[in-house]
N, C-alpha and C. Protein backbone atom coordinates (compact mmCIF):
# COMPACT_ATOMS: atom_id res chain seq x y z
N UNK A 1 -16.44 -20.85 32.47
CA UNK A 1 -17.11 -21.01 31.28
C UNK A 1 -16.48 -20.23 30.20
N UNK A 2 -16.24 -20.60 29.17
CA UNK A 2 -15.54 -20.06 27.96
C UNK A 2 -16.51 -18.96 27.36
N UNK A 3 -15.86 -17.75 27.24
CA UNK A 3 -16.69 -16.74 26.56
C UNK A 3 -16.38 -16.47 25.12
N UNK A 4 -17.31 -16.38 24.39
CA UNK A 4 -17.09 -16.09 22.97
C UNK A 4 -17.12 -14.69 22.61
N UNK A 5 -16.19 -14.30 21.75
CA UNK A 5 -16.08 -12.93 21.10
C UNK A 5 -16.14 -13.00 19.87
N UNK A 6 -16.97 -11.97 19.30
CA UNK A 6 -17.02 -11.85 17.69
C UNK A 6 -15.81 -11.16 17.20
N UNK A 7 -15.24 -11.68 16.06
CA UNK A 7 -14.15 -11.25 15.48
C UNK A 7 -14.21 -9.64 15.19
N UNK A 8 -15.36 -9.24 14.89
CA UNK A 8 -15.48 -7.86 14.44
C UNK A 8 -15.45 -6.93 15.57
N UNK A 9 -15.64 -7.53 16.75
CA UNK A 9 -15.39 -6.69 18.07
C UNK A 9 -13.91 -6.58 18.57
N UNK A 10 -13.03 -7.31 17.84
CA UNK A 10 -11.77 -7.36 18.44
C UNK A 10 -10.83 -6.23 17.96
N UNK A 11 -9.88 -5.70 18.72
CA UNK A 11 -9.09 -4.49 18.46
C UNK A 11 -7.66 -4.98 18.28
N UNK A 12 -6.71 -4.14 17.85
CA UNK A 12 -5.28 -4.45 17.73
C UNK A 12 -4.77 -4.71 18.97
N UNK A 13 -5.15 -3.81 20.07
CA UNK A 13 -4.76 -3.96 21.45
C UNK A 13 -5.21 -5.35 22.04
N UNK A 14 -6.31 -5.77 21.66
CA UNK A 14 -6.80 -7.16 22.15
C UNK A 14 -5.74 -8.23 21.51
N UNK A 15 -5.49 -8.13 20.34
CA UNK A 15 -4.62 -9.24 19.75
C UNK A 15 -3.28 -9.08 20.25
N UNK A 16 -2.77 -7.81 20.55
CA UNK A 16 -1.52 -7.70 21.14
C UNK A 16 -1.51 -8.33 22.60
N UNK A 17 -2.59 -8.06 23.30
CA UNK A 17 -2.52 -8.54 24.77
C UNK A 17 -2.59 -10.04 24.84
N UNK A 18 -3.55 -10.53 24.07
CA UNK A 18 -3.89 -12.03 24.12
C UNK A 18 -3.02 -12.90 23.37
N UNK A 19 -2.36 -12.54 22.17
CA UNK A 19 -1.52 -13.22 21.46
C UNK A 19 -0.24 -12.95 21.41
N UNK A 20 0.22 -11.76 21.96
CA UNK A 20 1.64 -11.30 21.75
C UNK A 20 1.90 -10.80 20.31
N UNK A 21 0.88 -10.33 19.69
CA UNK A 21 1.05 -9.88 18.18
C UNK A 21 1.81 -8.66 18.16
N UNK A 22 2.87 -8.50 17.34
CA UNK A 22 3.62 -7.44 17.19
C UNK A 22 3.73 -6.90 15.88
N UNK A 23 3.81 -5.49 15.61
CA UNK A 23 3.86 -4.95 14.34
C UNK A 23 5.37 -4.89 13.98
N UNK A 24 5.80 -5.50 12.73
CA UNK A 24 7.21 -5.69 12.39
C UNK A 24 7.71 -4.32 11.99
N UNK A 25 8.69 -3.98 12.57
CA UNK A 25 9.44 -2.51 12.39
C UNK A 25 10.42 -2.58 11.21
N UNK A 26 10.71 -3.91 10.64
CA UNK A 26 11.75 -3.92 9.56
C UNK A 26 11.13 -4.00 8.27
N UNK A 27 11.46 -3.13 7.37
CA UNK A 27 10.76 -3.01 6.04
C UNK A 27 11.02 -4.39 5.33
N UNK A 28 12.04 -5.13 5.58
CA UNK A 28 12.24 -6.35 4.87
C UNK A 28 11.40 -7.46 5.26
N UNK A 29 10.55 -7.23 6.19
CA UNK A 29 9.59 -8.33 6.59
C UNK A 29 8.44 -8.55 5.62
N UNK A 30 8.13 -7.55 4.92
CA UNK A 30 6.98 -7.60 4.11
C UNK A 30 7.40 -6.97 2.68
N UNK A 31 8.28 -7.63 1.91
CA UNK A 31 8.73 -6.97 0.62
C UNK A 31 7.83 -7.48 -0.55
N UNK A 32 6.98 -8.45 -0.39
CA UNK A 32 6.07 -9.04 -1.33
C UNK A 32 5.08 -8.09 -1.81
N UNK A 33 4.91 -6.82 -1.36
CA UNK A 33 3.98 -5.85 -1.93
C UNK A 33 4.51 -4.77 -2.67
N UNK A 34 5.99 -4.71 -2.69
CA UNK A 34 6.75 -3.72 -3.56
C UNK A 34 7.88 -4.17 -4.25
N UNK A 35 8.53 -5.39 -4.04
CA UNK A 35 9.74 -5.73 -4.62
C UNK A 35 9.46 -6.65 -5.80
N UNK A 36 10.18 -6.31 -6.94
CA UNK A 36 10.19 -7.02 -8.12
C UNK A 36 8.81 -7.46 -8.55
N UNK A 37 7.77 -6.52 -8.78
CA UNK A 37 6.51 -6.93 -8.98
C UNK A 37 6.28 -7.13 -10.50
N UNK A 38 5.40 -8.09 -10.85
CA UNK A 38 5.31 -8.33 -12.42
C UNK A 38 4.54 -7.21 -13.01
N UNK A 39 4.68 -7.00 -14.24
CA UNK A 39 3.89 -5.87 -14.95
C UNK A 39 2.47 -6.47 -15.33
N UNK A 40 1.77 -5.59 -15.57
CA UNK A 40 0.34 -5.88 -16.12
C UNK A 40 0.20 -5.35 -17.59
N UNK A 41 -0.59 -6.04 -18.34
CA UNK A 41 -0.87 -5.55 -19.67
C UNK A 41 -1.80 -4.39 -19.79
N UNK A 42 -1.78 -3.77 -21.04
CA UNK A 42 -2.70 -2.70 -21.34
C UNK A 42 -4.11 -3.23 -21.29
N UNK A 43 -4.32 -4.47 -21.70
CA UNK A 43 -5.75 -4.99 -21.66
C UNK A 43 -6.28 -5.13 -20.17
N UNK A 44 -5.22 -5.69 -19.21
CA UNK A 44 -5.66 -5.74 -17.84
C UNK A 44 -5.91 -4.27 -17.27
N UNK A 45 -5.17 -3.42 -17.68
CA UNK A 45 -5.42 -1.90 -17.20
C UNK A 45 -6.69 -1.49 -17.70
N UNK A 46 -7.19 -1.95 -18.79
CA UNK A 46 -8.44 -1.42 -19.35
C UNK A 46 -9.46 -2.12 -18.47
N UNK A 47 -9.28 -3.37 -18.16
CA UNK A 47 -10.17 -4.11 -17.30
C UNK A 47 -10.39 -3.39 -15.87
N UNK A 48 -9.40 -2.95 -15.40
CA UNK A 48 -9.28 -2.34 -14.02
C UNK A 48 -10.00 -0.87 -14.20
N UNK A 49 -9.70 -0.28 -15.34
CA UNK A 49 -10.47 1.01 -15.46
C UNK A 49 -11.95 0.85 -15.52
N UNK A 50 -12.44 -0.38 -16.18
CA UNK A 50 -13.80 -0.67 -16.14
C UNK A 50 -14.40 -0.89 -14.62
N UNK A 51 -13.45 -1.42 -13.88
CA UNK A 51 -13.79 -1.77 -12.58
C UNK A 51 -14.13 -0.67 -11.73
N UNK A 52 -13.22 0.49 -12.08
CA UNK A 52 -13.17 1.75 -11.46
C UNK A 52 -14.57 2.54 -11.88
N UNK A 53 -14.78 2.38 -13.15
CA UNK A 53 -16.06 2.94 -13.82
C UNK A 53 -17.38 2.42 -13.18
N UNK A 54 -17.35 1.18 -13.05
CA UNK A 54 -18.48 0.40 -12.42
C UNK A 54 -18.77 0.87 -10.94
N UNK A 55 -17.61 0.82 -10.23
CA UNK A 55 -17.66 1.22 -8.77
C UNK A 55 -18.25 2.56 -8.65
N UNK A 56 -17.52 3.61 -9.25
CA UNK A 56 -17.95 5.02 -9.10
C UNK A 56 -19.48 5.24 -9.47
N UNK A 57 -20.01 4.51 -10.44
CA UNK A 57 -21.40 4.63 -10.96
C UNK A 57 -22.21 4.12 -9.69
N UNK A 58 -21.79 3.03 -9.11
CA UNK A 58 -22.60 2.34 -8.06
C UNK A 58 -22.55 3.19 -6.94
N UNK A 59 -21.42 3.86 -6.58
CA UNK A 59 -21.43 4.61 -5.15
C UNK A 59 -22.48 5.80 -5.29
N UNK A 60 -22.87 6.19 -6.36
CA UNK A 60 -23.79 7.10 -6.47
C UNK A 60 -25.09 6.87 -5.87
N UNK A 61 -25.30 5.60 -5.41
CA UNK A 61 -26.59 5.16 -4.92
C UNK A 61 -26.31 4.27 -3.89
N UNK A 62 -25.90 4.94 -2.77
CA UNK A 62 -25.54 4.12 -1.44
C UNK A 62 -26.94 3.60 -0.91
N UNK A 63 -26.71 2.67 -0.03
CA UNK A 63 -25.38 2.04 0.54
C UNK A 63 -24.97 0.90 -0.43
N UNK A 64 -23.52 0.72 -0.46
CA UNK A 64 -23.10 -0.20 -1.33
C UNK A 64 -22.68 -1.43 -0.32
N UNK A 65 -23.36 -2.58 -0.50
CA UNK A 65 -23.08 -3.69 0.39
C UNK A 65 -21.70 -4.46 0.21
N UNK A 66 -21.56 -5.23 1.16
CA UNK A 66 -20.30 -6.17 1.06
C UNK A 66 -20.39 -7.07 -0.12
N UNK A 67 -21.56 -7.47 -0.45
CA UNK A 67 -21.88 -8.46 -1.67
C UNK A 67 -21.53 -7.71 -2.89
N UNK A 68 -21.99 -6.46 -3.05
CA UNK A 68 -21.71 -5.76 -4.23
C UNK A 68 -20.28 -5.37 -4.34
N UNK A 69 -19.51 -5.05 -3.26
CA UNK A 69 -18.08 -4.87 -3.31
C UNK A 69 -17.37 -6.17 -3.92
N UNK A 70 -17.79 -7.23 -3.31
CA UNK A 70 -17.27 -8.64 -3.90
C UNK A 70 -17.38 -8.56 -5.29
N UNK A 71 -18.71 -8.49 -5.70
CA UNK A 71 -19.03 -8.85 -7.22
C UNK A 71 -18.27 -7.72 -8.23
N UNK A 72 -18.20 -6.50 -7.77
CA UNK A 72 -17.80 -5.36 -8.81
C UNK A 72 -16.32 -5.44 -8.59
N UNK A 73 -15.80 -5.50 -7.59
CA UNK A 73 -14.33 -5.18 -7.39
C UNK A 73 -13.51 -6.37 -7.13
N UNK A 74 -13.80 -7.26 -6.08
CA UNK A 74 -12.91 -8.42 -5.66
C UNK A 74 -12.99 -9.52 -6.81
N UNK A 75 -14.06 -9.86 -7.29
CA UNK A 75 -14.12 -10.87 -8.32
C UNK A 75 -13.27 -10.58 -9.60
N UNK A 76 -13.29 -9.42 -10.15
CA UNK A 76 -12.50 -9.12 -11.32
C UNK A 76 -11.02 -9.08 -10.92
N UNK A 77 -10.64 -8.60 -9.74
CA UNK A 77 -9.25 -8.59 -9.24
C UNK A 77 -8.66 -9.98 -9.22
N UNK A 78 -9.53 -10.99 -8.52
CA UNK A 78 -9.12 -12.42 -8.27
C UNK A 78 -8.98 -13.01 -9.56
N UNK A 79 -9.97 -12.74 -10.52
CA UNK A 79 -9.83 -13.44 -11.77
C UNK A 79 -8.70 -12.95 -12.59
N UNK A 80 -8.29 -11.68 -12.58
CA UNK A 80 -7.13 -11.31 -13.30
C UNK A 80 -5.78 -11.72 -12.70
N UNK A 81 -5.90 -12.00 -11.43
CA UNK A 81 -4.64 -12.40 -10.69
C UNK A 81 -4.48 -13.88 -10.81
N UNK A 82 -5.53 -14.53 -11.37
CA UNK A 82 -5.24 -16.12 -11.49
C UNK A 82 -5.70 -16.84 -10.22
N UNK A 83 -6.49 -16.37 -9.32
CA UNK A 83 -6.96 -17.11 -8.19
C UNK A 83 -8.07 -17.96 -8.49
N UNK A 84 -8.67 -17.90 -9.67
CA UNK A 84 -9.67 -18.74 -10.09
C UNK A 84 -9.24 -20.07 -10.79
N UNK A 85 -7.87 -19.98 -11.03
CA UNK A 85 -7.31 -21.25 -11.79
C UNK A 85 -6.51 -22.00 -10.86
N UNK A 86 -6.00 -23.28 -11.42
CA UNK A 86 -5.26 -24.01 -10.72
C UNK A 86 -3.92 -23.27 -10.34
N UNK A 87 -3.30 -23.66 -9.16
CA UNK A 87 -3.58 -24.69 -8.24
C UNK A 87 -4.45 -24.11 -7.07
N UNK A 88 -5.06 -22.96 -7.37
CA UNK A 88 -5.87 -22.41 -6.20
C UNK A 88 -7.36 -22.87 -6.30
N UNK A 89 -8.02 -22.84 -5.15
CA UNK A 89 -9.36 -23.16 -4.85
C UNK A 89 -10.02 -22.16 -4.03
N UNK A 90 -11.10 -21.69 -4.54
CA UNK A 90 -11.79 -20.34 -3.73
C UNK A 90 -12.98 -21.03 -3.09
N UNK A 91 -13.01 -20.67 -1.65
CA UNK A 91 -14.15 -20.97 -0.81
C UNK A 91 -14.64 -19.62 -0.16
N UNK A 92 -15.87 -19.48 0.07
CA UNK A 92 -16.36 -18.20 0.72
C UNK A 92 -16.96 -18.55 1.98
N UNK A 93 -16.98 -17.44 2.72
CA UNK A 93 -17.76 -17.44 4.21
C UNK A 93 -17.28 -18.72 4.88
N UNK A 94 -16.04 -18.77 5.21
CA UNK A 94 -15.42 -19.85 6.05
C UNK A 94 -15.63 -19.43 7.60
N UNK A 95 -15.83 -20.24 8.63
CA UNK A 95 -15.95 -20.01 9.87
C UNK A 95 -14.39 -20.18 10.40
N UNK A 96 -14.13 -19.44 11.42
CA UNK A 96 -12.86 -19.55 12.22
C UNK A 96 -13.06 -19.43 13.57
N UNK A 97 -12.16 -20.05 14.26
CA UNK A 97 -12.27 -19.99 15.92
C UNK A 97 -10.87 -20.11 16.43
N UNK A 98 -10.51 -19.18 17.32
CA UNK A 98 -9.16 -19.12 17.76
C UNK A 98 -9.12 -18.90 19.18
N UNK A 99 -8.35 -19.20 19.90
CA UNK A 99 -8.09 -18.96 21.46
C UNK A 99 -6.69 -18.82 21.85
N UNK A 100 -6.37 -18.06 22.74
CA UNK A 100 -5.08 -17.97 23.39
C UNK A 100 -4.92 -18.85 24.36
N UNK A 101 -3.79 -19.21 24.76
CA UNK A 101 -3.20 -20.16 25.65
C UNK A 101 -3.73 -19.55 27.06
N UNK A 102 -4.32 -20.31 27.98
CA UNK A 102 -4.78 -19.93 29.29
C UNK A 102 -5.81 -18.86 29.27
N UNK A 103 -6.50 -18.72 28.22
CA UNK A 103 -7.46 -17.68 28.18
C UNK A 103 -8.86 -18.28 28.03
N UNK A 104 -9.80 -17.86 28.80
CA UNK A 104 -11.10 -18.43 28.82
C UNK A 104 -12.00 -17.74 27.69
N UNK A 105 -11.56 -17.41 26.66
CA UNK A 105 -12.05 -16.61 25.60
C UNK A 105 -11.74 -17.33 24.27
N UNK A 106 -12.82 -17.36 23.48
CA UNK A 106 -12.75 -17.78 22.02
C UNK A 106 -13.23 -16.78 21.10
N UNK A 107 -12.54 -16.51 20.09
CA UNK A 107 -12.91 -15.46 19.19
C UNK A 107 -13.36 -16.30 17.92
N UNK A 108 -14.51 -15.87 17.38
CA UNK A 108 -15.35 -16.42 16.39
C UNK A 108 -15.81 -15.60 15.32
N UNK A 109 -15.43 -15.99 14.08
CA UNK A 109 -16.09 -15.00 12.98
C UNK A 109 -16.07 -15.77 11.68
N UNK A 110 -16.46 -15.13 10.63
CA UNK A 110 -16.45 -15.76 9.25
C UNK A 110 -15.59 -14.78 8.42
N UNK A 111 -14.91 -15.59 7.41
CA UNK A 111 -14.04 -14.89 6.38
C UNK A 111 -14.98 -14.65 5.11
N UNK A 112 -14.92 -13.44 4.60
CA UNK A 112 -15.64 -13.19 3.55
C UNK A 112 -15.33 -13.95 2.15
N UNK A 113 -13.99 -14.02 2.09
CA UNK A 113 -13.42 -14.77 0.86
C UNK A 113 -12.09 -15.42 1.28
N UNK A 114 -11.96 -16.68 1.10
CA UNK A 114 -10.70 -17.35 1.45
C UNK A 114 -10.30 -18.15 0.36
N UNK A 115 -9.04 -17.84 -0.06
CA UNK A 115 -8.43 -18.50 -1.25
C UNK A 115 -7.60 -19.73 -0.69
N UNK A 116 -7.79 -20.94 -1.12
CA UNK A 116 -7.11 -22.06 -0.41
C UNK A 116 -6.47 -22.83 -1.59
N UNK A 117 -5.20 -23.25 -1.23
CA UNK A 117 -4.35 -24.04 -2.03
C UNK A 117 -3.98 -25.33 -1.39
N UNK A 118 -4.54 -26.34 -1.77
CA UNK A 118 -4.15 -27.72 -1.10
C UNK A 118 -4.52 -27.71 0.34
N UNK A 119 -5.78 -27.08 0.56
CA UNK A 119 -6.18 -27.10 2.08
C UNK A 119 -5.45 -26.25 2.84
N UNK A 120 -4.62 -25.36 2.45
CA UNK A 120 -3.88 -24.38 3.23
C UNK A 120 -4.48 -22.96 3.09
N UNK A 121 -4.57 -22.22 4.26
CA UNK A 121 -5.18 -20.91 4.15
C UNK A 121 -4.08 -19.95 3.69
N UNK A 122 -4.24 -19.43 2.56
CA UNK A 122 -3.21 -18.69 1.92
C UNK A 122 -3.44 -17.21 1.72
N UNK A 123 -4.72 -16.85 1.47
CA UNK A 123 -4.92 -15.49 1.22
C UNK A 123 -6.34 -15.23 1.82
N UNK A 124 -6.36 -14.19 2.65
CA UNK A 124 -7.67 -13.88 3.15
C UNK A 124 -8.04 -12.48 2.77
N UNK A 125 -9.35 -12.33 2.30
CA UNK A 125 -9.71 -11.04 1.77
C UNK A 125 -10.98 -10.74 2.60
N UNK A 126 -10.85 -9.66 3.20
CA UNK A 126 -12.04 -9.22 4.01
C UNK A 126 -12.66 -7.93 3.52
N UNK A 127 -13.80 -8.00 2.82
CA UNK A 127 -14.46 -6.98 2.17
C UNK A 127 -15.32 -6.10 3.16
N UNK A 128 -15.46 -4.99 3.16
CA UNK A 128 -16.15 -3.96 3.94
C UNK A 128 -17.04 -3.08 3.08
N UNK A 129 -18.13 -2.69 3.70
CA UNK A 129 -19.06 -1.84 2.98
C UNK A 129 -18.26 -0.48 2.63
N UNK A 130 -18.65 0.23 1.48
CA UNK A 130 -17.80 1.26 1.02
C UNK A 130 -17.68 2.46 1.97
N UNK A 131 -18.62 2.60 2.92
CA UNK A 131 -18.49 3.63 3.90
C UNK A 131 -17.56 3.32 5.12
N UNK A 132 -17.09 2.04 5.33
CA UNK A 132 -16.24 1.66 6.49
C UNK A 132 -14.71 2.16 6.19
N UNK A 133 -14.09 2.44 7.21
CA UNK A 133 -12.74 2.71 7.26
C UNK A 133 -12.05 1.41 7.34
N UNK A 134 -10.89 1.32 6.60
CA UNK A 134 -10.10 0.11 6.58
C UNK A 134 -9.48 -0.23 7.98
N UNK A 135 -9.35 0.90 8.71
CA UNK A 135 -8.80 0.62 9.99
C UNK A 135 -9.60 -0.35 10.88
N UNK A 136 -11.04 -0.33 10.72
CA UNK A 136 -12.04 -1.08 11.37
C UNK A 136 -11.73 -2.54 10.84
N UNK A 137 -11.29 -2.81 9.72
CA UNK A 137 -11.27 -4.21 9.17
C UNK A 137 -9.95 -4.93 9.39
N UNK A 138 -8.81 -4.17 9.75
CA UNK A 138 -7.55 -4.66 9.90
C UNK A 138 -7.47 -5.69 11.10
N UNK A 139 -7.97 -5.29 12.29
CA UNK A 139 -7.87 -6.14 13.39
C UNK A 139 -8.74 -7.51 13.10
N UNK A 140 -9.94 -7.32 12.40
CA UNK A 140 -10.63 -8.38 12.09
C UNK A 140 -9.97 -9.34 11.09
N UNK A 141 -9.28 -8.80 10.11
CA UNK A 141 -8.61 -9.73 9.08
C UNK A 141 -7.32 -10.39 9.82
N UNK A 142 -6.67 -9.75 10.67
CA UNK A 142 -5.62 -10.36 11.40
C UNK A 142 -6.17 -11.47 12.33
N UNK A 143 -7.28 -11.21 12.84
CA UNK A 143 -7.77 -12.35 13.76
C UNK A 143 -8.00 -13.54 12.81
N UNK A 144 -8.69 -13.43 11.65
CA UNK A 144 -8.86 -14.61 10.65
C UNK A 144 -7.57 -15.22 10.34
N UNK A 145 -6.53 -14.43 10.04
CA UNK A 145 -5.30 -14.83 9.67
C UNK A 145 -4.48 -15.70 10.67
N UNK A 146 -4.67 -15.40 11.94
CA UNK A 146 -4.30 -16.09 12.98
C UNK A 146 -4.73 -17.64 13.07
N UNK A 147 -5.90 -17.75 12.41
CA UNK A 147 -6.50 -19.18 12.38
C UNK A 147 -5.89 -20.00 11.34
N UNK A 148 -4.86 -19.54 10.75
CA UNK A 148 -4.04 -20.29 9.70
C UNK A 148 -3.38 -21.48 10.35
N UNK A 149 -3.82 -22.78 9.88
CA UNK A 149 -3.35 -23.90 10.47
C UNK A 149 -1.85 -24.33 10.23
N UNK A 150 -1.27 -23.61 9.32
CA UNK A 150 0.14 -24.05 8.79
C UNK A 150 1.01 -22.85 9.25
N UNK A 151 1.50 -23.06 10.61
CA UNK A 151 2.31 -21.88 11.13
C UNK A 151 3.64 -21.63 10.69
N UNK A 152 4.24 -22.67 9.84
CA UNK A 152 5.66 -22.33 9.18
C UNK A 152 5.51 -21.63 8.09
N UNK A 153 4.46 -21.28 7.45
CA UNK A 153 4.38 -20.41 6.30
C UNK A 153 3.56 -19.09 6.66
N UNK A 154 4.00 -17.89 6.05
CA UNK A 154 3.35 -16.77 6.34
C UNK A 154 1.92 -16.79 5.71
N UNK A 155 0.96 -15.97 6.03
CA UNK A 155 -0.28 -15.81 5.47
C UNK A 155 -0.51 -14.42 5.10
N UNK A 156 -1.28 -14.22 4.04
CA UNK A 156 -1.23 -12.74 3.45
C UNK A 156 -2.72 -12.43 3.48
N UNK A 157 -3.14 -11.06 3.51
CA UNK A 157 -4.44 -10.65 3.53
C UNK A 157 -4.78 -9.33 2.80
N UNK A 158 -5.85 -9.04 2.41
CA UNK A 158 -6.17 -7.90 1.79
C UNK A 158 -7.52 -7.32 2.27
N UNK A 159 -7.58 -6.09 2.92
CA UNK A 159 -8.74 -5.53 3.44
C UNK A 159 -9.26 -4.52 2.34
N UNK A 160 -10.33 -4.28 2.08
CA UNK A 160 -10.93 -3.37 1.13
C UNK A 160 -12.27 -3.05 1.47
N UNK A 161 -12.66 -1.73 1.09
CA UNK A 161 -14.04 -1.30 1.02
C UNK A 161 -14.56 -0.99 -0.29
N UNK A 162 -13.78 -1.43 -1.26
CA UNK A 162 -14.24 -1.17 -2.77
C UNK A 162 -13.47 -0.19 -3.24
N UNK A 163 -13.27 0.93 -2.71
CA UNK A 163 -12.38 1.98 -3.29
C UNK A 163 -10.85 2.03 -2.78
N UNK A 164 -10.67 1.43 -1.59
CA UNK A 164 -9.25 1.49 -1.10
C UNK A 164 -8.99 0.05 -0.64
N UNK A 165 -7.66 -0.16 -0.71
CA UNK A 165 -7.13 -1.53 -0.27
C UNK A 165 -5.86 -1.50 0.46
N UNK A 166 -5.62 -2.36 1.45
CA UNK A 166 -4.44 -2.47 2.18
C UNK A 166 -4.17 -3.95 2.25
N UNK A 167 -2.76 -4.41 2.06
CA UNK A 167 -2.33 -5.63 2.23
C UNK A 167 -1.84 -5.90 3.52
N UNK A 168 -1.86 -7.14 3.89
CA UNK A 168 -1.33 -7.51 5.32
C UNK A 168 -0.52 -8.77 5.16
N UNK A 169 0.54 -8.86 6.03
CA UNK A 169 1.27 -10.13 6.08
C UNK A 169 1.34 -10.61 7.53
N UNK A 170 1.24 -11.74 7.84
CA UNK A 170 1.22 -12.26 9.18
C UNK A 170 2.26 -13.48 9.20
N UNK A 171 3.14 -13.59 10.15
CA UNK A 171 4.13 -14.71 10.29
C UNK A 171 3.92 -15.17 11.72
N UNK A 172 4.04 -16.48 11.87
CA UNK A 172 3.89 -17.12 13.11
C UNK A 172 5.20 -17.67 13.76
N UNK A 173 6.28 -17.55 12.78
CA UNK A 173 7.60 -18.17 13.21
C UNK A 173 8.17 -17.22 14.45
N UNK A 174 8.62 -18.08 15.26
CA UNK A 174 9.19 -17.36 16.53
C UNK A 174 8.28 -16.53 17.40
N UNK A 175 8.06 -15.21 16.94
CA UNK A 175 7.01 -14.50 17.37
C UNK A 175 5.89 -14.03 16.54
N UNK A 176 4.77 -13.80 16.86
CA UNK A 176 3.69 -13.36 15.92
C UNK A 176 4.06 -11.94 15.61
N UNK A 177 4.21 -11.89 14.18
CA UNK A 177 4.49 -10.41 13.63
C UNK A 177 3.58 -10.21 12.37
N UNK A 178 3.28 -8.97 12.27
CA UNK A 178 2.42 -8.59 11.05
C UNK A 178 2.98 -7.30 10.48
N UNK A 179 2.51 -7.04 9.34
CA UNK A 179 2.86 -5.72 8.59
C UNK A 179 2.01 -5.38 7.64
N UNK A 180 1.80 -3.88 7.36
CA UNK A 180 0.74 -3.48 6.33
C UNK A 180 1.52 -2.91 5.13
N UNK A 181 0.82 -2.97 4.00
CA UNK A 181 1.48 -2.30 2.74
C UNK A 181 0.95 -0.72 2.80
N UNK A 182 1.40 -0.06 1.90
CA UNK A 182 0.57 1.29 1.74
C UNK A 182 -0.79 1.15 1.51
N UNK A 183 -1.60 2.15 1.54
CA UNK A 183 -3.07 2.08 1.11
C UNK A 183 -3.17 2.40 -0.43
N UNK A 184 -4.05 1.69 -1.15
CA UNK A 184 -4.25 1.97 -2.69
C UNK A 184 -5.57 2.32 -2.83
N UNK A 185 -5.81 3.23 -3.74
CA UNK A 185 -7.07 3.56 -4.16
C UNK A 185 -7.33 3.80 -5.58
N UNK A 186 -8.56 3.48 -5.96
CA UNK A 186 -8.92 3.74 -7.43
C UNK A 186 -9.47 5.14 -7.68
N UNK A 187 -9.54 5.95 -6.65
CA UNK A 187 -10.20 7.13 -6.67
C UNK A 187 -9.16 8.29 -7.36
N UNK A 188 -7.94 7.97 -7.38
CA UNK A 188 -6.97 8.98 -7.97
C UNK A 188 -6.94 8.92 -9.59
N UNK A 189 -6.34 10.00 -10.16
CA UNK A 189 -6.40 10.13 -11.50
C UNK A 189 -5.74 8.75 -12.25
N UNK A 190 -4.63 8.27 -11.68
CA UNK A 190 -4.16 6.93 -12.17
C UNK A 190 -4.64 6.01 -11.28
N UNK A 191 -5.23 5.13 -11.86
CA UNK A 191 -5.89 3.94 -10.97
C UNK A 191 -4.75 3.16 -10.28
N UNK A 192 -4.94 3.26 -8.99
CA UNK A 192 -3.87 2.60 -8.23
C UNK A 192 -4.12 1.08 -7.99
N UNK A 193 -5.29 0.66 -8.48
CA UNK A 193 -5.48 -0.75 -8.61
C UNK A 193 -4.65 -1.43 -9.50
N UNK A 194 -3.99 -0.58 -10.50
CA UNK A 194 -2.94 -1.32 -11.29
C UNK A 194 -1.91 -1.93 -10.40
N UNK A 195 -1.52 -1.17 -9.39
CA UNK A 195 -0.49 -1.76 -8.48
C UNK A 195 -1.12 -2.94 -7.52
N UNK A 196 -2.42 -2.87 -7.29
CA UNK A 196 -3.00 -3.96 -6.44
C UNK A 196 -3.01 -5.23 -7.18
N UNK A 197 -3.25 -5.14 -8.50
CA UNK A 197 -3.27 -6.33 -9.32
C UNK A 197 -1.76 -6.92 -9.33
N UNK A 198 -0.96 -6.01 -9.54
CA UNK A 198 0.48 -6.44 -9.58
C UNK A 198 0.94 -7.25 -8.32
N UNK A 199 0.52 -6.68 -7.12
CA UNK A 199 0.77 -7.40 -5.99
C UNK A 199 0.17 -8.62 -5.89
N UNK A 200 -1.19 -8.78 -6.20
CA UNK A 200 -1.92 -9.96 -6.26
C UNK A 200 -1.31 -11.12 -7.22
N UNK A 201 -0.83 -10.54 -8.16
CA UNK A 201 -0.05 -11.38 -9.12
C UNK A 201 1.13 -11.98 -8.58
N UNK A 202 1.87 -10.92 -7.93
CA UNK A 202 3.06 -11.57 -7.15
C UNK A 202 2.80 -12.53 -6.12
N UNK A 203 1.75 -12.39 -5.45
CA UNK A 203 1.39 -13.18 -4.29
C UNK A 203 0.81 -14.56 -4.86
N UNK A 204 0.27 -14.58 -5.96
CA UNK A 204 -0.25 -15.80 -6.58
C UNK A 204 1.07 -16.81 -7.00
N UNK A 205 2.09 -16.05 -7.60
CA UNK A 205 3.38 -16.72 -7.94
C UNK A 205 4.00 -17.17 -6.67
N UNK A 206 4.06 -16.38 -5.61
CA UNK A 206 4.82 -16.76 -4.34
C UNK A 206 4.03 -17.93 -3.74
N UNK A 207 2.77 -17.96 -3.83
CA UNK A 207 1.99 -18.93 -3.08
C UNK A 207 1.79 -20.33 -3.82
N UNK A 208 1.94 -20.29 -5.20
CA UNK A 208 1.79 -21.34 -5.90
C UNK A 208 2.92 -22.42 -5.94
């Protein structure tokens, strides 16, 4: 009998054991988050400063739900990065199901936001409540990314709790490998979401 496992209960150790997933040790594996990033305008910086102001005002009245994080933080970021425009198509709450070879277990879950271009899974964004550590979200996001039906292309992800962000890259070529970016926060004096938007813009150009 096949046993179903919820994606939020999966650990990195589980993914390594079941799928042979490895963390890339070479910095050149994931250059899209730091190499030749596009600049952003002063107007876009002002928009991101408003995102920061709105978020900081909301966190004074916890708890901050995933839906609020999407509305206040993710939606403006996706809009500024161009993911609401052609050739991208946005869908939310997509179901995924993956299983390893010779394993009598199926991992099931739902993606909070999925950006699709021409029916390909290109960017996964897993939002978490503001009190959650991003370390809890990374295995879940990687699980969703393993469901990408197009193995010859890498898939990118972003995990966020509203105040902090980490980007991910997963490649299925030859061996399953993933890498993480640095962690960015809007809580510092200089809003690090400027860099988050630059990375999202870079990914939108790379994926279009």
